[in-house]
Amino acid sequence: MPPDEDEDYDDEVDEQENEESAGVMEPLLYDPGAPSRAVLLDELPGNPRIDENGQIRLDSPAKTLLALIVPSVVIIGHGCYLLSRFFRQG
């Protein structure tokens, strides 16, 4: 291909990509203190969404509670261990 045709082809591809992505917007969540720490909303576990008030919502509250079981057990377990060490009779 002559160089002119290569440039024309590249321009056509760029125009097609711009047309395809023109109306696509994805919510991006980031840490204001460190903007380089960012993630797309769609990539988060639990299928979160943003409601009409701008709040992040999950599809099911049951999934949220299920996800909190392991951390709760660990915290309660550590608390029981510390209490048993503190109140040990010796």
PDB file of N, CA and C in Angstrom:
ATOM      1  N   MET A   1       0.832  -1.183   0.000  1.00  0.00           N
ATOM      2  CA  MET A   1       0.000   0.000   0.000  1.00  0.00           C
ATOM      3  C   MET A   1       0.878   1.248   0.000  1.00  0.00           C
ATOM      4  N   PRO A   2       0.532   2.215  -0.820  1.00  0.00           N
ATOM      5  CA  PRO A   2       1.260   3.485  -0.761  1.00  0.00           C
ATOM      6  C   PRO A   2       0.988   4.179   0.575  1.00  0.00           C
ATOM      7  N   PRO A   3       1.889   5.047   1.014  1.00  0.00           N
ATOM      8  CA  PRO A   3       1.741   5.708   2.314  1.00  0.00           C
ATOM      9  C   PRO A   3       0.432   6.470   2.482  1.00  0.00           C
ATOM     10  N   ASP A   4      -0.075   7.076   1.403  1.00  0.00           N
ATOM     11  CA  ASP A   4      -1.320   7.830   1.516  1.00  0.00           C
ATOM     12  C   ASP A   4      -2.488   6.932   1.929  1.00  0.00           C
ATOM     13  N   GLU A   5      -2.523   5.713   1.401  1.00  0.00           N
ATOM     14  CA  GLU A   5      -3.603   4.786   1.731  1.00  0.00           C
ATOM     15  C   GLU A   5      -3.507   4.341   3.191  1.00  0.00           C
ATOM     16  N   ASP A   6      -2.296   4.163   3.719  1.00  0.00           N
ATOM     17  CA  ASP A   6      -2.114   3.799   5.126  1.00  0.00           C
ATOM     18  C   ASP A   6      -2.694   4.882   6.040  1.00  0.00           C
ATOM     19  N   GLU A   7      -2.401   6.127   5.739  1.00  0.00           N
ATOM     20  CA  GLU A   7      -2.901   7.229   6.549  1.00  0.00           C
ATOM     21  C   GLU A   7      -4.421   7.297   6.489  1.00  0.00           C
ATOM     22  N   ASP A   8      -4.992   7.085   5.299  1.00  0.00           N
ATOM     23  CA  ASP A   8      -6.447   7.097   5.155  1.00  0.00           C
ATOM     24  C   ASP A   8      -7.074   5.970   5.971  1.00  0.00           C
ATOM     25  N   TYR A   9      -6.452   4.793   5.945  1.00  0.00           N
ATOM     26  CA  TYR A   9      -6.970   3.653   6.683  1.00  0.00           C
ATOM     27  C   TYR A   9      -6.938   3.943   8.185  1.00  0.00           C
ATOM     28  N   ASP A  10      -5.826   4.496   8.677  1.00  0.00           N
ATOM     29  CA  ASP A  10      -5.705   4.826  10.096  1.00  0.00           C
ATOM     30  C   ASP A  10      -6.772   5.834  10.511  1.00  0.00           C
ATOM     31  N   ASP A  11      -7.026   6.827   9.676  1.00  0.00           N
ATOM     32  CA  ASP A  11      -8.054   7.826   9.981  1.00  0.00           C
ATOM     33  C   ASP A  11      -9.437   7.182  10.062  1.00  0.00           C
ATOM     34  N   GLU A  12      -9.712   6.232   9.146  1.00  0.00           N
ATOM     35  CA  GLU A  12     -11.005   5.553   9.152  1.00  0.00           C
ATOM     36  C   GLU A  12     -11.175   4.725  10.419  1.00  0.00           C
ATOM     37  N   VAL A  13     -10.123   4.028  10.834  1.00  0.00           N
ATOM     38  CA  VAL A  13     -10.182   3.211  12.055  1.00  0.00           C
ATOM     39  C   VAL A  13     -10.406   4.102  13.264  1.00  0.00           C
ATOM     40  N   ASP A  14      -9.691   5.228  13.360  1.00  0.00           N
ATOM     41  CA  ASP A  14      -9.866   6.156  14.476  1.00  0.00           C
ATOM     42  C   ASP A  14     -11.294   6.688  14.524  1.00  0.00           C
ATOM     43  N   GLU A  15     -11.854   7.028  13.364  1.00  0.00           N
ATOM     44  CA  GLU A  15     -13.223   7.542  13.321  1.00  0.00           C
ATOM     45  C   GLU A  15     -14.212   6.484  13.777  1.00  0.00           C
ATOM     46  N   GLN A  16     -14.002   5.213  13.367  1.00  0.00           N
ATOM     47  CA  GLN A  16     -14.897   4.131  13.777  1.00  0.00           C
ATOM     48  C   GLN A  16     -14.821   3.922  15.285  1.00  0.00           C
ATOM     49  N   GLU A  17     -13.617   3.941  15.847  1.00  0.00           N
ATOM     50  CA  GLU A  17     -13.466   3.754  17.289  1.00  0.00           C
ATOM     51  C   GLU A  17     -14.136   4.888  18.058  1.00  0.00           C
ATOM     52  N   ASN A  18     -14.002   6.115  17.569  1.00  0.00           N
ATOM     53  CA  ASN A  18     -14.629   7.256  18.231  1.00  0.00           C
ATOM     54  C   ASN A  18     -16.145   7.164  18.180  1.00  0.00           C
ATOM     55  N   GLU A  19     -16.695   6.729  17.056  1.00  0.00           N
ATOM     56  CA  GLU A  19     -18.142   6.593  16.920  1.00  0.00           C
ATOM     57  C   GLU A  19     -18.671   5.495  17.836  1.00  0.00           C
ATOM     58  N   GLU A  20     -17.934   4.384  17.962  1.00  0.00           N
ATOM     59  CA  GLU A  20     -18.382   3.272  18.792  1.00  0.00           C
ATOM     60  C   GLU A  20     -18.372   3.632  20.265  1.00  0.00           C
ATOM     61  N   SER A  21     -17.398   4.421  20.697  1.00  0.00           N
ATOM     62  CA  SER A  21     -17.275   4.718  22.122  1.00  0.00           C
ATOM     63  C   SER A  21     -17.830   6.095  22.495  1.00  0.00           C
ATOM     64  N   ALA A  22     -18.472   6.772  21.579  1.00  0.00           N
ATOM     65  CA  ALA A  22     -18.934   8.140  21.828  1.00  0.00           C
ATOM     66  C   ALA A  22     -19.953   8.214  22.958  1.00  0.00           C
ATOM     67  N   GLY A  23     -20.918   7.293  23.039  1.00  0.00           N
ATOM     68  CA  GLY A  23     -21.962   7.375  24.045  1.00  0.00           C
ATOM     69  C   GLY A  23     -21.735   6.479  25.254  1.00  0.00           C
ATOM     70  N   VAL A  24     -20.568   5.866  25.338  1.00  0.00           N
ATOM     71  CA  VAL A  24     -20.298   4.934  26.428  1.00  0.00           C
ATOM     72  C   VAL A  24     -19.626   5.650  27.586  1.00  0.00           C
ATOM     73  N   MET A  25     -20.261   5.556  28.757  1.00  0.00           N
ATOM     74  CA  MET A  25     -19.665   6.127  29.971  1.00  0.00           C
ATOM     75  C   MET A  25     -19.709   5.069  31.059  1.00  0.00           C
ATOM     76  N   GLU A  26     -18.587   4.870  31.750  1.00  0.00           N
ATOM     77  CA  GLU A  26     -18.543   3.925  32.854  1.00  0.00           C
ATOM     78  C   GLU A  26     -18.122   4.664  34.108  1.00  0.00           C
ATOM     79  N   PRO A  27     -18.837   4.434  35.215  1.00  0.00           N
ATOM     80  CA  PRO A  27     -18.459   5.098  36.465  1.00  0.00           C
ATOM     81  C   PRO A  27     -17.097   4.621  36.955  1.00  0.00           C
ATOM     82  N   LEU A  28     -16.290   5.560  37.364  1.00  0.00           N
ATOM     83  CA  LEU A  28     -14.954   5.276  37.873  1.00  0.00           C
ATOM     84  C   LEU A  28     -14.890   5.741  39.317  1.00  0.00           C
ATOM     85  N   LEU A  29     -14.489   4.854  40.209  1.00  0.00           N
ATOM     86  CA  LEU A  29     -14.336   5.192  41.616  1.00  0.00           C
ATOM     87  C   LEU A  29     -12.850   5.364  41.897  1.00  0.00           C
ATOM     88  N   TYR A  30     -12.501   6.431  42.606  1.00  0.00           N
ATOM     89  CA  TYR A  30     -11.090   6.681  42.890  1.00  0.00           C
ATOM     90  C   TYR A  30     -10.927   7.276  44.273  1.00  0.00           C
ATOM     91  N   ASP A  31      -9.713   7.185  44.784  1.00  0.00           N
ATOM     92  CA  ASP A  31      -9.361   7.745  46.079  1.00  0.00           C
ATOM     93  C   ASP A  31      -8.900   9.176  45.843  1.00  0.00           C
ATOM     94  N   PRO A  32      -9.625  10.185  46.362  1.00  0.00           N
ATOM     95  CA  PRO A  32      -9.221  11.574  46.123  1.00  0.00           C
ATOM     96  C   PRO A  32      -7.820  11.885  46.646  1.00  0.00           C
ATOM     97  N   GLY A  33      -7.384  11.174  47.670  1.00  0.00           N
ATOM     98  CA  GLY A  33      -6.044  11.395  48.202  1.00  0.00           C
ATOM     99  C   GLY A  33      -4.958  10.794  47.329  1.00  0.00           C
ATOM    100  N   ALA A  34      -5.321   9.805  46.535  1.00  0.00           N
ATOM    101  CA  ALA A  34      -4.380   9.150  45.624  1.00  0.00           C
ATOM    102  C   ALA A  34      -5.134   8.775  44.353  1.00  0.00           C
ATOM    103  N   PRO A  35      -5.329   9.722  43.437  1.00  0.00           N
ATOM    104  CA  PRO A  35      -6.138   9.475  42.239  1.00  0.00           C
ATOM    105  C   PRO A  35      -5.650   8.316  41.368  1.00  0.00           C
ATOM    106  N   SER A  36      -4.407   7.898  41.553  1.00  0.00           N
ATOM    107  CA  SER A  36      -3.926   6.771  40.759  1.00  0.00           C
ATOM    108  C   SER A  36      -4.574   5.458  41.215  1.00  0.00           C
ATOM    109  N   ARG A  37      -5.171   5.461  42.402  1.00  0.00           N
ATOM    110  CA  ARG A  37      -5.894   4.290  42.896  1.00  0.00           C
ATOM    111  C   ARG A  37      -7.342   4.414  42.440  1.00  0.00           C
ATOM    112  N   ALA A  38      -7.658   3.749  41.343  1.00  0.00           N
ATOM    113  CA  ALA A  38      -9.003   3.858  40.771  1.00  0.00           C
ATOM    114  C   ALA A  38      -9.455   2.497  40.271  1.00  0.00           C
ATOM    115  N   VAL A  39     -10.760   2.315  40.210  1.00  0.00           N
ATOM    116  CA  VAL A  39     -11.340   1.076  39.701  1.00  0.00           C
ATOM    117  C   VAL A  39     -12.690   1.401  39.048  1.00  0.00           C
ATOM    118  N   LEU A  40     -12.995   0.685  37.990  1.00  0.00           N
ATOM    119  CA  LEU A  40     -14.298   0.849  37.347  1.00  0.00           C
ATOM    120  C   LEU A  40     -15.363   0.178  38.216  1.00  0.00           C
ATOM    121  N   LEU A  41     -16.519   0.777  38.309  1.00  0.00           N
ATOM    122  CA  LEU A  41     -17.608   0.249  39.132  1.00  0.00           C
ATOM    123  C   LEU A  41     -17.979  -1.163  38.705  1.00  0.00           C
ATOM    124  N   ASP A  42     -17.965  -1.438  37.405  1.00  0.00           N
ATOM    125  CA  ASP A  42     -18.342  -2.756  36.894  1.00  0.00           C
ATOM    126  C   ASP A  42     -17.371  -3.850  37.318  1.00  0.00           C
ATOM    127  N   GLU A  43     -16.145  -3.484  37.684  1.00  0.00           N
ATOM    128  CA  GLU A  43     -15.142  -4.483  38.044  1.00  0.00           C
ATOM    129  C   GLU A  43     -15.185  -4.862  39.523  1.00  0.00           C
ATOM    130  N   LEU A  44     -15.998  -4.184  40.318  1.00  0.00           N
ATOM    131  CA  LEU A  44     -16.094  -4.496  41.736  1.00  0.00           C
ATOM    132  C   LEU A  44     -16.969  -5.736  41.950  1.00  0.00           C
ATOM    133  N   PRO A  45     -16.643  -6.545  42.964  1.00  0.00           N
ATOM    134  CA  PRO A  45     -17.478  -7.720  43.234  1.00  0.00           C
ATOM    135  C   PRO A  45     -18.831  -7.311  43.814  1.00  0.00           C
ATOM    136  N   GLY A  46     -19.830  -8.151  43.625  1.00  0.00           N
ATOM    137  CA  GLY A  46     -21.146  -7.893  44.200  1.00  0.00           C
ATOM    138  C   GLY A  46     -22.080  -7.139  43.281  1.00  0.00           C
ATOM    139  N   ASN A  47     -21.644  -6.840  42.076  1.00  0.00           N
ATOM    140  CA  ASN A  47     -22.482  -6.158  41.092  1.00  0.00           C
ATOM    141  C   ASN A  47     -23.079  -4.860  41.646  1.00  0.00           C
ATOM    142  N   PRO A  48     -22.235  -3.933  42.119  1.00  0.00           N
ATOM    143  CA  PRO A  48     -22.758  -2.679  42.667  1.00  0.00           C
ATOM    144  C   PRO A  48     -23.301  -1.770  41.561  1.00  0.00           C
ATOM    145  N   ARG A  49     -24.177  -0.859  41.957  1.00  0.00           N
ATOM    146  CA  ARG A  49     -24.718   0.127  41.008  1.00  0.00           C
ATOM    147  C   ARG A  49     -24.897   1.441  41.758  1.00  0.00           C
ATOM    148  N   ILE A  50     -25.034   2.507  41.021  1.00  0.00           N
ATOM    149  CA  ILE A  50     -25.258   3.818  41.623  1.00  0.00           C
ATOM    150  C   ILE A  50     -26.725   4.172  41.417  1.00  0.00           C
ATOM    151  N   ASP A  51     -27.437   4.459  42.515  1.00  0.00           N
ATOM    152  CA  ASP A  51     -28.858   4.777  42.402  1.00  0.00           C
ATOM    153  C   ASP A  51     -29.056   6.243  42.020  1.00  0.00           C
ATOM    154  N   GLU A  52     -30.312   6.657  41.943  1.00  0.00           N
ATOM    155  CA  GLU A  52     -30.635   8.019  41.505  1.00  0.00           C
ATOM    156  C   GLU A  52     -30.148   9.086  42.477  1.00  0.00           C
ATOM    157  N   ASN A  53     -29.866   8.714  43.724  1.00  0.00           N
ATOM    158  CA  ASN A  53     -29.349   9.666  44.717  1.00  0.00           C
ATOM    159  C   ASN A  53     -27.823   9.707  44.760  1.00  0.00           C
ATOM    160  N   GLY A  54     -27.177   8.898  43.907  1.00  0.00           N
ATOM    161  CA  GLY A  54     -25.724   8.868  43.875  1.00  0.00           C
ATOM    162  C   GLY A  54     -25.106   7.929  44.891  1.00  0.00           C
ATOM    163  N   GLN A  55     -25.925   7.115  45.551  1.00  0.00           N
ATOM    164  CA  GLN A  55     -25.434   6.146  46.536  1.00  0.00           C
ATOM    165  C   GLN A  55     -25.083   4.836  45.842  1.00  0.00           C
ATOM    166  N   ILE A  56     -24.050   4.161  46.342  1.00  0.00           N
ATOM    167  CA  ILE A  56     -23.675   2.860  45.792  1.00  0.00           C
ATOM    168  C   ILE A  56     -24.551   1.805  46.455  1.00  0.00           C
ATOM    169  N   ARG A  57     -25.202   1.004  45.645  1.00  0.00           N
ATOM    170  CA  ARG A  57     -26.109  -0.041  46.136  1.00  0.00           C
ATOM    171  C   ARG A  57     -25.690  -1.385  45.564  1.00  0.00           C
ATOM    172  N   LEU A  58     -25.930  -2.454  46.338  1.00  0.00           N
ATOM    173  CA  LEU A  58     -25.710  -3.811  45.866  1.00  0.00           C
ATOM    174  C   LEU A  58     -27.044  -4.417  45.475  1.00  0.00           C
ATOM    175  N   ASP A  59     -26.979  -5.449  44.645  1.00  0.00           N
ATOM    176  CA  ASP A  59     -28.217  -6.101  44.225  1.00  0.00           C
ATOM    177  C   ASP A  59     -28.942  -6.749  45.385  1.00  0.00           C
ATOM    178  N   SER A  60     -28.176  -7.339  46.306  1.00  0.00           N
ATOM    179  CA  SER A  60     -28.803  -8.087  47.382  1.00  0.00           C
ATOM    180  C   SER A  60     -28.139  -7.793  48.721  1.00  0.00           C
ATOM    181  N   PRO A  61     -28.907  -7.347  49.713  1.00  0.00           N
ATOM    182  CA  PRO A  61     -28.328  -7.152  51.046  1.00  0.00           C
ATOM    183  C   PRO A  61     -27.822  -8.463  51.646  1.00  0.00           C
ATOM    184  N   ALA A  62     -28.425  -9.587  51.243  1.00  0.00           N
ATOM    185  CA  ALA A  62     -27.989 -10.888  51.753  1.00  0.00           C
ATOM    186  C   ALA A  62     -26.538 -11.165  51.361  1.00  0.00           C
ATOM    187  N   LYS A  63     -26.137 -10.758  50.162  1.00  0.00           N
ATOM    188  CA  LYS A  63     -24.748 -10.949  49.732  1.00  0.00           C
ATOM    189  C   LYS A  63     -23.800 -10.128  50.599  1.00  0.00           C
ATOM    190  N   THR A  64     -24.237  -8.955  50.996  1.00  0.00           N
ATOM    191  CA  THR A  64     -23.415  -8.110  51.854  1.00  0.00           C
ATOM    192  C   THR A  64     -23.229  -8.767  53.207  1.00  0.00           C
ATOM    193  N   LEU A  65     -24.312  -9.256  53.781  1.00  0.00           N
ATOM    194  CA  LEU A  65     -24.224  -9.925  55.073  1.00  0.00           C
ATOM    195  C   LEU A  65     -23.367 -11.185  54.993  1.00  0.00           C
ATOM    196  N   LEU A  66     -23.500 -11.915  53.903  1.00  0.00           N
ATOM    197  CA  LEU A  66     -22.693 -13.116  53.713  1.00  0.00           C
ATOM    198  C   LEU A  66     -21.207 -12.778  53.647  1.00  0.00           C
ATOM    199  N   ALA A  67     -20.880 -11.678  53.008  1.00  0.00           N
ATOM    200  CA  ALA A  67     -19.484 -11.263  52.898  1.00  0.00           C
ATOM    201  C   ALA A  67     -18.915 -10.806  54.235  1.00  0.00           C
ATOM    202  N   LEU A  68     -19.774 -10.425  55.168  1.00  0.00           N
ATOM    203  CA  LEU A  68     -19.317  -9.959  56.482  1.00  0.00           C
ATOM    204  C   LEU A  68     -19.178 -11.077  57.510  1.00  0.00           C
ATOM    205  N   ILE A  69     -19.573 -12.296  57.177  1.00  0.00           N
ATOM    206  CA  ILE A  69     -19.517 -13.400  58.128  1.00  0.00           C
ATOM    207  C   ILE A  69     -18.080 -13.703  58.551  1.00  0.00           C
ATOM    208  N   VAL A  70     -17.182 -13.899  57.614  1.00  0.00           N
ATOM    209  CA  VAL A  70     -15.801 -14.268  57.951  1.00  0.00           C
ATOM    210  C   VAL A  70     -15.109 -13.171  58.764  1.00  0.00           C
ATOM    211  N   PRO A  71     -15.152 -11.896  58.352  1.00  0.00           N
ATOM    212  CA  PRO A  71     -14.516 -10.881  59.188  1.00  0.00           C
ATOM    213  C   PRO A  71     -15.133 -10.810  60.586  1.00  0.00           C
ATOM    214  N   SER A  72     -16.439 -11.002  60.696  1.00  0.00           N
ATOM    215  CA  SER A  72     -17.090 -10.971  62.007  1.00  0.00           C
ATOM    216  C   SER A  72     -16.600 -12.109  62.895  1.00  0.00           C
ATOM    217  N   VAL A  73     -16.492 -13.305  62.334  1.00  0.00           N
ATOM    218  CA  VAL A  73     -16.016 -14.455  63.099  1.00  0.00           C
ATOM    219  C   VAL A  73     -14.583 -14.215  63.571  1.00  0.00           C
ATOM    220  N   VAL A  74     -13.751 -13.658  62.703  1.00  0.00           N
ATOM    221  CA  VAL A  74     -12.367 -13.390  63.080  1.00  0.00           C
ATOM    222  C   VAL A  74     -12.290 -12.366  64.206  1.00  0.00           C
ATOM    223  N   ILE A  75     -13.049 -11.299  64.113  1.00  0.00           N
ATOM    224  CA  ILE A  75     -13.031 -10.258  65.158  1.00  0.00           C
ATOM    225  C   ILE A  75     -13.561 -10.816  66.480  1.00  0.00           C
ATOM    226  N   ILE A  76     -14.656 -11.562  66.428  1.00  0.00           N
ATOM    227  CA  ILE A  76     -15.219 -12.146  67.647  1.00  0.00           C
ATOM    228  C   ILE A  76     -14.245 -13.158  68.249  1.00  0.00           C
ATOM    229  N   GLY A  77     -13.623 -13.956  67.399  1.00  0.00           N
ATOM    230  CA  GLY A  77     -12.652 -14.939  67.878  1.00  0.00           C
ATOM    231  C   GLY A  77     -11.469 -14.282  68.577  1.00  0.00           C
ATOM    232  N   HIS A  78     -10.937 -13.226  67.977  1.00  0.00           N
ATOM    233  CA  HIS A  78      -9.820 -12.514  68.599  1.00  0.00           C
ATOM    234  C   HIS A  78     -10.253 -11.854  69.908  1.00  0.00           C
ATOM    235  N   GLY A  79     -11.459 -11.317  69.937  1.00  0.00           N
ATOM    236  CA  GLY A  79     -11.969 -10.714  71.169  1.00  0.00           C
ATOM    237  C   GLY A  79     -12.093 -11.734  72.282  1.00  0.00           C
ATOM    238  N   CYS A  80     -12.620 -12.911  71.949  1.00  0.00           N
ATOM    239  CA  CYS A  80     -12.747 -13.978  72.962  1.00  0.00           C
ATOM    240  C   CYS A  80     -11.375 -14.416  73.462  1.00  0.00           C
ATOM    241  N   TYR A  81     -10.420 -14.540  72.557  1.00  0.00           N
ATOM    242  CA  TYR A  81      -9.064 -14.921  72.956  1.00  0.00           C
ATOM    243  C   TYR A  81      -8.465 -13.881  73.904  1.00  0.00           C
ATOM    244  N   LEU A  82      -8.594 -12.613  73.564  1.00  0.00           N
ATOM    245  CA  LEU A  82      -8.039 -11.561  74.425  1.00  0.00           C
ATOM    246  C   LEU A  82      -8.724 -11.536  75.794  1.00  0.00           C
ATOM    247  N   LEU A  83     -10.037 -11.708  75.811  1.00  0.00           N
ATOM    248  CA  LEU A  83     -10.753 -11.744  77.083  1.00  0.00           C
ATOM    249  C   LEU A  83     -10.325 -12.939  77.928  1.00  0.00           C
ATOM    250  N   SER A  84     -10.128 -14.089  77.278  1.00  0.00           N
ATOM    251  CA  SER A  84      -9.706 -15.269  78.033  1.00  0.00           C
ATOM    252  C   SER A  84      -8.296 -15.080  78.584  1.00  0.00           C
ATOM    253  N   ARG A  85      -7.415 -14.416  77.862  1.00  0.00           N
ATOM    254  CA  ARG A  85      -6.064 -14.148  78.347  1.00  0.00           C
ATOM    255  C   ARG A  85      -6.085 -13.111  79.465  1.00  0.00           C
ATOM    256  N   PHE A  86      -6.971 -12.139  79.370  1.00  0.00           N
ATOM    257  CA  PHE A  86      -7.046 -11.073  80.365  1.00  0.00           C
ATOM    258  C   PHE A  86      -7.621 -11.572  81.690  1.00  0.00           C
ATOM    259  N   PHE A  87      -8.651 -12.428  81.581  1.00  0.00           N
ATOM    260  CA  PHE A  87      -9.319 -12.921  82.785  1.00  0.00           C
ATOM    261  C   PHE A  87      -8.822 -14.305  83.208  1.00  0.00           C
ATOM    262  N   ARG A  88      -7.686 -14.710  82.707  1.00  0.00           N
ATOM    263  CA  ARG A  88      -7.142 -16.023  83.074  1.00  0.00           C
ATOM    264  C   ARG A  88      -6.889 -16.083  84.575  1.00  0.00           C
ATOM    265  N   GLN A  89      -7.290 -17.175  85.119  1.00  0.00           N
ATOM    266  CA  GLN A  89      -7.036 -17.347  86.561  1.00  0.00           C
ATOM    267  C   GLN A  89      -5.668 -17.998  86.724  1.00  0.00           C
ATOM    268  N   GLY A  90      -4.888 -17.434  87.517  1.00  0.00           N
ATOM    269  CA  GLY A  90      -3.572 -18.000  87.572  1.00  0.00           C
ATOM    270  C   GLY A  90      -2.914 -17.853  88.832  1.00  0.00           C
TER     271      GLY A  90
END
